Amino acid sequence: MKPRHLLAALAIACAPAILLPAPAMAEPPVYTDIFSDIAVQGHDPVAYFKEGKPVKGSKSFTAEHKGATFRFASAANRDAFLADPEMYAPQYGGYCAWAVSQGYHAKGDARFWKIVDGKLYLNYNASVQEKWESDVPGFIESGNENWPKINQ
C-alpha cells in the first residue's frame, strides 16, 4: 500500500474515535495543586475532624485516593483516612463548595472550611466562605445537585 493510501486508511479508521464524545468521568475529580497531585494543599483532612483546624500533613504519611495524594500529620490519621476515605475527604473533591453550588469549579482553600453534618467543605477565600455560610443548607443542596453535572 502506498504511504498516501495508508495515511488515508488510518484517518478513516481513527475518525470515529476522534468524533465520539469523551466518556463521563468514573469518579469526580479531586482538586490538586496545578504542579502536583497533592490534595487539600497538603493539609491533613483527618485533622479537621480530630483537631478542629487545618494541620499540614507530612510527606512521610500519605495515601492515594481518587487520583490524588493526601498527606497526614500522623500514621494514625492516615490509617483512619484509609479505613473510611469518604468520611474524611472534602466534599466536591476539595473544590470550593460555594462555586459548586453555583454550577462551576473553583479551587478550594484549606484555610476556609467548615464541617457540616460530619462532612468537610472547603471554600475559595474568606469572603466566599462568609457568603456560603449565609445559607449553608441551601448551598449544600445546590452543590449536591450540581456536582454530578459539572463533572460530565
N, C-alpha and C. Protein backbone atom coordinates (compact mmCIF):
# COMPACT_ATOMS: atom_id res chain seq x y z
N MET A 1 0.85 -1.17 0.00
CA MET A 1 0.00 0.00 0.00
C MET A 1 0.90 1.24 0.00
N LYS A 2 0.55 2.21 -0.80
CA LYS A 2 1.32 3.44 -0.88
C LYS A 2 1.14 4.24 0.41
N PRO A 3 2.19 4.98 0.81
CA PRO A 3 2.09 5.78 2.05
C PRO A 3 0.87 6.70 2.08
N ARG A 4 0.54 7.30 0.95
CA ARG A 4 -0.60 8.21 0.89
C ARG A 4 -1.89 7.45 1.18
N HIS A 5 -2.02 6.24 0.63
CA HIS A 5 -3.23 5.43 0.85
C HIS A 5 -3.28 4.92 2.29
N LEU A 6 -2.12 4.61 2.84
CA LEU A 6 -2.05 4.16 4.23
C LEU A 6 -2.52 5.27 5.17
N LEU A 7 -2.06 6.50 4.94
CA LEU A 7 -2.50 7.62 5.77
C LEU A 7 -4.00 7.84 5.66
N ALA A 8 -4.55 7.73 4.46
CA ALA A 8 -5.98 7.91 4.27
C ALA A 8 -6.76 6.82 5.00
N ALA A 9 -6.28 5.59 4.92
CA ALA A 9 -6.95 4.48 5.60
C ALA A 9 -6.90 4.66 7.12
N LEU A 10 -5.75 5.11 7.63
CA LEU A 10 -5.65 5.36 9.06
C LEU A 10 -6.58 6.48 9.50
N ALA A 11 -6.67 7.53 8.71
CA ALA A 11 -7.54 8.65 9.05
C ALA A 11 -9.00 8.20 9.10
N ILE A 12 -9.41 7.39 8.15
CA ILE A 12 -10.78 6.89 8.12
C ILE A 12 -11.04 5.96 9.30
N ALA A 13 -10.05 5.13 9.62
CA ALA A 13 -10.22 4.18 10.73
C ALA A 13 -10.27 4.89 12.08
N CYS A 14 -9.54 5.97 12.24
CA CYS A 14 -9.49 6.67 13.52
C CYS A 14 -10.58 7.72 13.69
N ALA A 15 -11.23 8.14 12.61
CA ALA A 15 -12.23 9.20 12.68
C ALA A 15 -13.32 8.95 13.71
N PRO A 16 -13.90 7.74 13.78
CA PRO A 16 -14.97 7.55 14.79
C PRO A 16 -14.48 7.78 16.21
N ALA A 17 -13.28 7.38 16.53
CA ALA A 17 -12.77 7.58 17.89
C ALA A 17 -12.57 9.05 18.18
N ILE A 18 -12.16 9.81 17.20
CA ILE A 18 -11.93 11.24 17.40
C ILE A 18 -13.26 11.98 17.56
N LEU A 19 -14.27 11.55 16.83
CA LEU A 19 -15.55 12.24 16.83
C LEU A 19 -16.46 11.88 17.99
N LEU A 20 -16.19 10.76 18.66
CA LEU A 20 -17.03 10.35 19.78
C LEU A 20 -16.79 11.25 20.98
N PRO A 21 -17.85 11.56 21.73
CA PRO A 21 -17.64 12.36 22.93
C PRO A 21 -16.86 11.57 23.96
N ALA A 22 -16.13 12.28 24.80
CA ALA A 22 -15.38 11.61 25.86
C ALA A 22 -16.36 10.99 26.85
N PRO A 23 -16.05 9.81 27.39
CA PRO A 23 -16.95 9.20 28.36
C PRO A 23 -17.01 10.02 29.64
N ALA A 24 -18.13 9.90 30.35
CA ALA A 24 -18.26 10.59 31.63
C ALA A 24 -17.20 10.07 32.58
N MET A 25 -16.76 10.92 33.47
CA MET A 25 -15.72 10.54 34.41
C MET A 25 -16.26 9.50 35.38
N ALA A 26 -15.48 8.48 35.64
CA ALA A 26 -15.91 7.43 36.55
C ALA A 26 -16.00 7.94 37.98
N GLU A 27 -15.09 8.80 38.36
CA GLU A 27 -15.08 9.37 39.70
C GLU A 27 -14.91 10.88 39.58
N PRO A 28 -15.55 11.62 40.44
CA PRO A 28 -15.34 13.07 40.40
C PRO A 28 -13.88 13.40 40.68
N PRO A 29 -13.40 14.49 40.08
CA PRO A 29 -12.01 14.86 40.30
C PRO A 29 -11.78 15.36 41.72
N VAL A 30 -10.54 15.29 42.11
CA VAL A 30 -10.12 15.87 43.38
C VAL A 30 -9.24 17.06 43.04
N TYR A 31 -9.52 18.21 43.64
CA TYR A 31 -8.72 19.39 43.36
C TYR A 31 -7.31 19.19 43.92
N THR A 32 -6.33 19.41 43.06
CA THR A 32 -4.93 19.35 43.46
C THR A 32 -4.22 20.60 42.94
N ASP A 33 -3.07 20.87 43.52
CA ASP A 33 -2.25 21.97 43.06
C ASP A 33 -1.92 21.78 41.59
N ILE A 34 -1.79 22.86 40.87
CA ILE A 34 -1.55 22.79 39.44
C ILE A 34 -0.25 22.07 39.09
N PHE A 35 0.72 22.07 39.99
CA PHE A 35 2.02 21.46 39.70
C PHE A 35 2.24 20.13 40.42
N SER A 36 1.21 19.61 41.07
CA SER A 36 1.38 18.34 41.78
C SER A 36 0.04 17.62 41.87
N ASP A 37 0.07 16.46 42.48
CA ASP A 37 -1.18 15.71 42.70
C ASP A 37 -1.58 15.76 44.17
N ILE A 38 -1.11 16.76 44.90
CA ILE A 38 -1.36 16.88 46.34
C ILE A 38 -2.73 17.51 46.58
N ALA A 39 -3.56 16.81 47.35
CA ALA A 39 -4.90 17.30 47.70
C ALA A 39 -4.86 18.18 48.94
N VAL A 40 -5.85 19.03 49.10
CA VAL A 40 -6.06 19.88 50.27
C VAL A 40 -4.81 20.72 50.58
N GLN A 41 -4.09 21.11 49.54
CA GLN A 41 -2.85 21.89 49.69
C GLN A 41 -1.90 21.28 50.71
N GLY A 42 -1.92 19.95 50.80
CA GLY A 42 -1.01 19.25 51.70
C GLY A 42 -1.49 19.18 53.14
N HIS A 43 -2.69 19.66 53.42
CA HIS A 43 -3.23 19.59 54.78
C HIS A 43 -3.83 18.21 55.04
N ASP A 44 -3.83 17.83 56.28
CA ASP A 44 -4.34 16.54 56.74
C ASP A 44 -5.86 16.64 56.87
N PRO A 45 -6.65 15.95 56.02
CA PRO A 45 -8.10 16.06 56.11
C PRO A 45 -8.68 15.50 57.41
N VAL A 46 -8.01 14.54 58.01
CA VAL A 46 -8.49 13.95 59.26
C VAL A 46 -8.35 14.94 60.41
N ALA A 47 -7.33 15.78 60.36
CA ALA A 47 -7.08 16.75 61.44
C ALA A 47 -8.23 17.74 61.60
N TYR A 48 -8.92 18.06 60.52
CA TYR A 48 -10.08 18.96 60.65
C TYR A 48 -11.09 18.38 61.65
N PHE A 49 -11.25 17.07 61.61
CA PHE A 49 -12.22 16.40 62.47
C PHE A 49 -11.67 16.17 63.87
N LYS A 50 -10.41 15.79 63.95
CA LYS A 50 -9.82 15.44 65.25
C LYS A 50 -9.29 16.65 66.02
N GLU A 51 -8.76 17.65 65.32
CA GLU A 51 -8.16 18.79 65.99
C GLU A 51 -8.94 20.09 65.80
N GLY A 52 -9.92 20.05 64.89
CA GLY A 52 -10.75 21.22 64.68
C GLY A 52 -10.05 22.36 63.99
N LYS A 53 -9.01 22.05 63.21
CA LYS A 53 -8.27 23.09 62.49
C LYS A 53 -7.45 22.45 61.38
N PRO A 54 -7.05 23.26 60.39
CA PRO A 54 -6.17 22.72 59.36
C PRO A 54 -4.77 22.48 59.92
N VAL A 55 -4.21 21.33 59.61
CA VAL A 55 -2.86 20.96 60.04
C VAL A 55 -2.13 20.44 58.81
N LYS A 56 -0.94 20.96 58.57
CA LYS A 56 -0.15 20.48 57.43
C LYS A 56 0.20 19.01 57.61
N GLY A 57 0.07 18.25 56.53
CA GLY A 57 0.45 16.85 56.54
C GLY A 57 1.94 16.72 56.26
N SER A 58 2.42 15.51 56.40
CA SER A 58 3.83 15.20 56.19
C SER A 58 4.02 14.34 54.95
N LYS A 59 5.14 14.52 54.27
CA LYS A 59 5.47 13.65 53.13
C LYS A 59 5.67 12.21 53.59
N SER A 60 5.88 12.02 54.88
CA SER A 60 6.10 10.66 55.42
C SER A 60 4.81 9.85 55.56
N PHE A 61 3.67 10.54 55.61
CA PHE A 61 2.39 9.85 55.79
C PHE A 61 1.44 10.27 54.68
N THR A 62 1.31 9.41 53.66
CA THR A 62 0.47 9.75 52.51
C THR A 62 -0.45 8.59 52.16
N ALA A 63 -1.48 8.92 51.40
CA ALA A 63 -2.40 7.91 50.86
C ALA A 63 -2.93 8.43 49.53
N GLU A 64 -3.14 7.52 48.61
CA GLU A 64 -3.73 7.86 47.31
C GLU A 64 -5.23 7.65 47.40
N HIS A 65 -5.97 8.59 46.83
CA HIS A 65 -7.43 8.47 46.79
C HIS A 65 -7.95 9.24 45.58
N LYS A 66 -8.66 8.56 44.71
CA LYS A 66 -9.25 9.16 43.52
C LYS A 66 -8.23 9.96 42.70
N GLY A 67 -7.05 9.41 42.57
CA GLY A 67 -6.03 10.02 41.74
C GLY A 67 -5.24 11.14 42.38
N ALA A 68 -5.47 11.40 43.65
CA ALA A 68 -4.74 12.47 44.35
C ALA A 68 -3.98 11.89 45.53
N THR A 69 -2.95 12.59 45.94
CA THR A 69 -2.18 12.20 47.11
C THR A 69 -2.60 13.08 48.29
N PHE A 70 -3.03 12.43 49.35
CA PHE A 70 -3.38 13.13 50.58
C PHE A 70 -2.23 12.95 51.56
N ARG A 71 -1.92 14.00 52.29
CA ARG A 71 -0.87 13.96 53.30
C ARG A 71 -1.51 14.03 54.69
N PHE A 72 -0.82 13.43 55.67
CA PHE A 72 -1.34 13.34 57.03
C PHE A 72 -0.28 13.72 58.04
N ALA A 73 -0.73 14.22 59.17
CA ALA A 73 0.19 14.62 60.23
C ALA A 73 0.73 13.42 60.99
N SER A 74 0.05 12.28 60.90
CA SER A 74 0.48 11.09 61.64
C SER A 74 0.04 9.83 60.89
N ALA A 75 0.66 8.73 61.26
CA ALA A 75 0.26 7.43 60.70
C ALA A 75 -1.16 7.10 61.14
N ALA A 76 -1.53 7.47 62.37
CA ALA A 76 -2.89 7.19 62.86
C ALA A 76 -3.94 7.90 62.01
N ASN A 77 -3.67 9.16 61.62
CA ASN A 77 -4.61 9.88 60.78
C ASN A 77 -4.68 9.27 59.38
N ARG A 78 -3.53 8.88 58.84
CA ARG A 78 -3.53 8.21 57.53
C ARG A 78 -4.34 6.93 57.59
N ASP A 79 -4.16 6.15 58.64
CA ASP A 79 -4.89 4.89 58.76
C ASP A 79 -6.39 5.11 58.92
N ALA A 80 -6.78 6.17 59.65
CA ALA A 80 -8.20 6.49 59.79
C ALA A 80 -8.78 6.86 58.42
N PHE A 81 -8.03 7.63 57.65
CA PHE A 81 -8.48 8.02 56.31
C PHE A 81 -8.64 6.79 55.42
N LEU A 82 -7.65 5.91 55.44
CA LEU A 82 -7.71 4.71 54.60
C LEU A 82 -8.87 3.80 54.97
N ALA A 83 -9.25 3.81 56.24
CA ALA A 83 -10.36 2.98 56.70
C ALA A 83 -11.70 3.52 56.18
N ASP A 84 -11.79 4.85 55.96
CA ASP A 84 -13.05 5.45 55.51
C ASP A 84 -12.77 6.78 54.81
N PRO A 85 -12.21 6.72 53.60
CA PRO A 85 -11.84 7.97 52.93
C PRO A 85 -13.03 8.88 52.64
N GLU A 86 -14.19 8.32 52.38
CA GLU A 86 -15.36 9.16 52.09
C GLU A 86 -15.78 9.98 53.30
N MET A 87 -15.47 9.52 54.49
CA MET A 87 -15.80 10.28 55.69
C MET A 87 -14.91 11.52 55.82
N TYR A 88 -13.64 11.39 55.47
CA TYR A 88 -12.67 12.45 55.71
C TYR A 88 -12.35 13.33 54.50
N ALA A 89 -12.46 12.79 53.32
CA ALA A 89 -12.13 13.58 52.13
C ALA A 89 -13.11 14.74 52.01
N PRO A 90 -12.62 15.91 51.59
CA PRO A 90 -13.54 17.04 51.45
C PRO A 90 -14.61 16.76 50.39
N GLN A 91 -15.76 17.33 50.62
CA GLN A 91 -16.85 17.21 49.66
C GLN A 91 -16.47 17.91 48.36
N TYR A 92 -17.08 17.48 47.28
CA TYR A 92 -16.85 18.05 45.95
C TYR A 92 -15.38 18.01 45.56
N GLY A 93 -14.68 16.98 46.05
CA GLY A 93 -13.28 16.80 45.68
C GLY A 93 -12.36 17.89 46.18
N GLY A 94 -12.81 18.67 47.15
CA GLY A 94 -11.99 19.76 47.66
C GLY A 94 -12.13 21.05 46.86
N TYR A 95 -13.04 21.06 45.88
CA TYR A 95 -13.33 22.30 45.17
C TYR A 95 -14.16 23.20 46.07
N CYS A 96 -14.22 24.47 45.74
CA CYS A 96 -14.97 25.46 46.51
C CYS A 96 -16.46 25.07 46.56
N ALA A 97 -16.98 24.90 47.76
CA ALA A 97 -18.37 24.48 47.94
C ALA A 97 -19.34 25.52 47.38
N TRP A 98 -19.04 26.80 47.57
CA TRP A 98 -19.94 27.82 47.04
C TRP A 98 -19.93 27.80 45.51
N ALA A 99 -18.77 27.69 44.88
CA ALA A 99 -18.69 27.65 43.42
C ALA A 99 -19.48 26.46 42.88
N VAL A 100 -19.34 25.31 43.50
CA VAL A 100 -20.08 24.13 43.06
C VAL A 100 -21.58 24.39 43.18
N SER A 101 -21.99 25.07 44.24
CA SER A 101 -23.42 25.38 44.40
C SER A 101 -23.92 26.30 43.29
N GLN A 102 -22.99 27.04 42.68
CA GLN A 102 -23.35 27.95 41.58
C GLN A 102 -23.18 27.28 40.21
N GLY A 103 -22.67 26.04 40.22
CA GLY A 103 -22.58 25.28 38.97
C GLY A 103 -21.25 25.28 38.28
N TYR A 104 -20.18 25.62 38.99
CA TYR A 104 -18.86 25.58 38.36
C TYR A 104 -17.78 25.19 39.38
N HIS A 105 -16.59 24.89 38.84
CA HIS A 105 -15.44 24.55 39.67
C HIS A 105 -14.65 25.81 40.02
N ALA A 106 -14.15 25.88 41.22
CA ALA A 106 -13.14 26.86 41.63
C ALA A 106 -12.33 26.16 42.72
N LYS A 107 -11.09 26.55 42.86
CA LYS A 107 -10.25 25.86 43.84
C LYS A 107 -10.78 26.09 45.25
N GLY A 108 -10.66 25.06 46.05
CA GLY A 108 -10.95 25.19 47.47
C GLY A 108 -9.65 25.52 48.19
N ASP A 109 -9.75 26.29 49.25
CA ASP A 109 -8.57 26.67 50.03
C ASP A 109 -8.69 26.02 51.41
N ALA A 110 -7.67 25.30 51.82
CA ALA A 110 -7.70 24.55 53.08
C ALA A 110 -7.92 25.44 54.30
N ARG A 111 -7.67 26.73 54.18
CA ARG A 111 -7.85 27.64 55.32
C ARG A 111 -9.30 28.06 55.54
N PHE A 112 -10.16 27.86 54.53
CA PHE A 112 -11.55 28.30 54.61
C PHE A 112 -12.44 27.07 54.53
N TRP A 113 -12.90 26.62 55.67
CA TRP A 113 -13.52 25.31 55.77
C TRP A 113 -14.62 25.31 56.81
N LYS A 114 -15.43 24.25 56.74
CA LYS A 114 -16.46 24.03 57.75
C LYS A 114 -16.88 22.57 57.66
N ILE A 115 -17.11 21.98 58.83
CA ILE A 115 -17.67 20.62 58.88
C ILE A 115 -19.15 20.77 59.15
N VAL A 116 -19.95 20.18 58.27
CA VAL A 116 -21.41 20.23 58.39
C VAL A 116 -21.93 18.80 58.29
N ASP A 117 -22.66 18.37 59.30
CA ASP A 117 -23.21 17.01 59.34
C ASP A 117 -22.14 15.96 59.06
N GLY A 118 -20.96 16.17 59.66
CA GLY A 118 -19.88 15.20 59.54
C GLY A 118 -19.17 15.20 58.20
N LYS A 119 -19.34 16.26 57.40
CA LYS A 119 -18.68 16.35 56.10
C LYS A 119 -17.88 17.65 56.02
N LEU A 120 -16.70 17.54 55.43
CA LEU A 120 -15.79 18.68 55.31
C LEU A 120 -16.03 19.41 53.99
N TYR A 121 -16.22 20.73 54.08
CA TYR A 121 -16.40 21.58 52.91
C TYR A 121 -15.31 22.65 52.92
N LEU A 122 -14.75 22.92 51.75
CA LEU A 122 -13.75 23.98 51.58
C LEU A 122 -14.33 25.08 50.70
N ASN A 123 -13.84 26.28 50.88
CA ASN A 123 -14.25 27.40 50.05
C ASN A 123 -13.02 28.15 49.53
N TYR A 124 -13.25 29.06 48.62
CA TYR A 124 -12.18 29.75 47.90
C TYR A 124 -11.41 30.75 48.76
N ASN A 125 -12.13 31.58 49.51
CA ASN A 125 -11.49 32.58 50.36
C ASN A 125 -12.46 33.00 51.46
N ALA A 126 -12.06 33.96 52.27
CA ALA A 126 -12.88 34.37 53.43
C ALA A 126 -14.21 34.96 53.01
N SER A 127 -14.23 35.79 51.98
CA SER A 127 -15.50 36.40 51.58
C SER A 127 -16.45 35.37 50.99
N VAL A 128 -15.93 34.42 50.24
CA VAL A 128 -16.78 33.35 49.70
C VAL A 128 -17.28 32.47 50.83
N GLN A 129 -16.41 32.18 51.79
CA GLN A 129 -16.82 31.39 52.96
C GLN A 129 -17.98 32.08 53.68
N GLU A 130 -17.88 33.38 53.86
CA GLU A 130 -18.94 34.15 54.54
C GLU A 130 -20.25 34.07 53.74
N LYS A 131 -20.14 34.21 52.43
CA LYS A 131 -21.32 34.13 51.57
C LYS A 131 -21.95 32.73 51.69
N TRP A 132 -21.10 31.68 51.63
CA TRP A 132 -21.59 30.30 51.72
C TRP A 132 -22.26 30.06 53.07
N GLU A 133 -21.72 30.62 54.13
CA GLU A 133 -22.28 30.41 55.46
C GLU A 133 -23.60 31.15 55.68
N SER A 134 -23.98 32.03 54.75
CA SER A 134 -25.26 32.72 54.88
C SER A 134 -26.44 31.79 54.61
N ASP A 135 -26.20 30.67 53.92
CA ASP A 135 -27.27 29.69 53.66
C ASP A 135 -26.64 28.32 53.42
N VAL A 136 -25.97 27.80 54.43
CA VAL A 136 -25.26 26.53 54.29
C VAL A 136 -26.17 25.41 53.76
N PRO A 137 -27.35 25.17 54.37
CA PRO A 137 -28.19 24.08 53.85
C PRO A 137 -28.58 24.27 52.39
N GLY A 138 -28.92 25.48 52.01
CA GLY A 138 -29.32 25.74 50.63
C GLY A 138 -28.17 25.54 49.66
N PHE A 139 -26.98 26.04 50.04
CA PHE A 139 -25.84 25.90 49.15
C PHE A 139 -25.37 24.45 49.07
N ILE A 140 -25.48 23.71 50.16
CA ILE A 140 -25.13 22.28 50.10
C ILE A 140 -26.12 21.55 49.19
N GLU A 141 -27.39 21.85 49.32
CA GLU A 141 -28.39 21.21 48.45
C GLU A 141 -28.10 21.50 46.98
N SER A 142 -27.83 22.77 46.66
CA SER A 142 -27.50 23.15 45.28
C SER A 142 -26.20 22.47 44.83
N GLY A 143 -25.21 22.45 45.71
CA GLY A 143 -23.94 21.82 45.38
C GLY A 143 -24.10 20.33 45.09
N ASN A 144 -24.90 19.66 45.91
CA ASN A 144 -25.13 18.23 45.70
C ASN A 144 -25.84 17.96 44.37
N GLU A 145 -26.73 18.87 43.97
CA GLU A 145 -27.40 18.73 42.67
C GLU A 145 -26.44 19.01 41.52
N ASN A 146 -25.59 20.02 41.68
CA ASN A 146 -24.70 20.45 40.59
C ASN A 146 -23.47 19.56 40.42
N TRP A 147 -22.99 18.97 41.50
CA TRP A 147 -21.71 18.25 41.45
C TRP A 147 -21.66 17.20 40.35
N PRO A 148 -22.67 16.33 40.22
CA PRO A 148 -22.57 15.35 39.13
C PRO A 148 -22.59 16.00 37.75
N LYS A 149 -23.34 17.07 37.59
CA LYS A 149 -23.47 17.73 36.28
C LYS A 149 -22.17 18.39 35.85
N ILE A 150 -21.48 19.03 36.76
CA ILE A 150 -20.28 19.77 36.35
C ILE A 150 -19.07 18.86 36.16
N ASN A 151 -19.24 17.58 36.41
CA ASN A 151 -18.14 16.62 36.22
C ASN A 151 -18.38 15.70 35.03
N GLN A 152 -19.29 16.08 34.16
CA GLN A 152 -19.54 15.25 32.97
C GLN A 152 -18.61 15.66 31.85
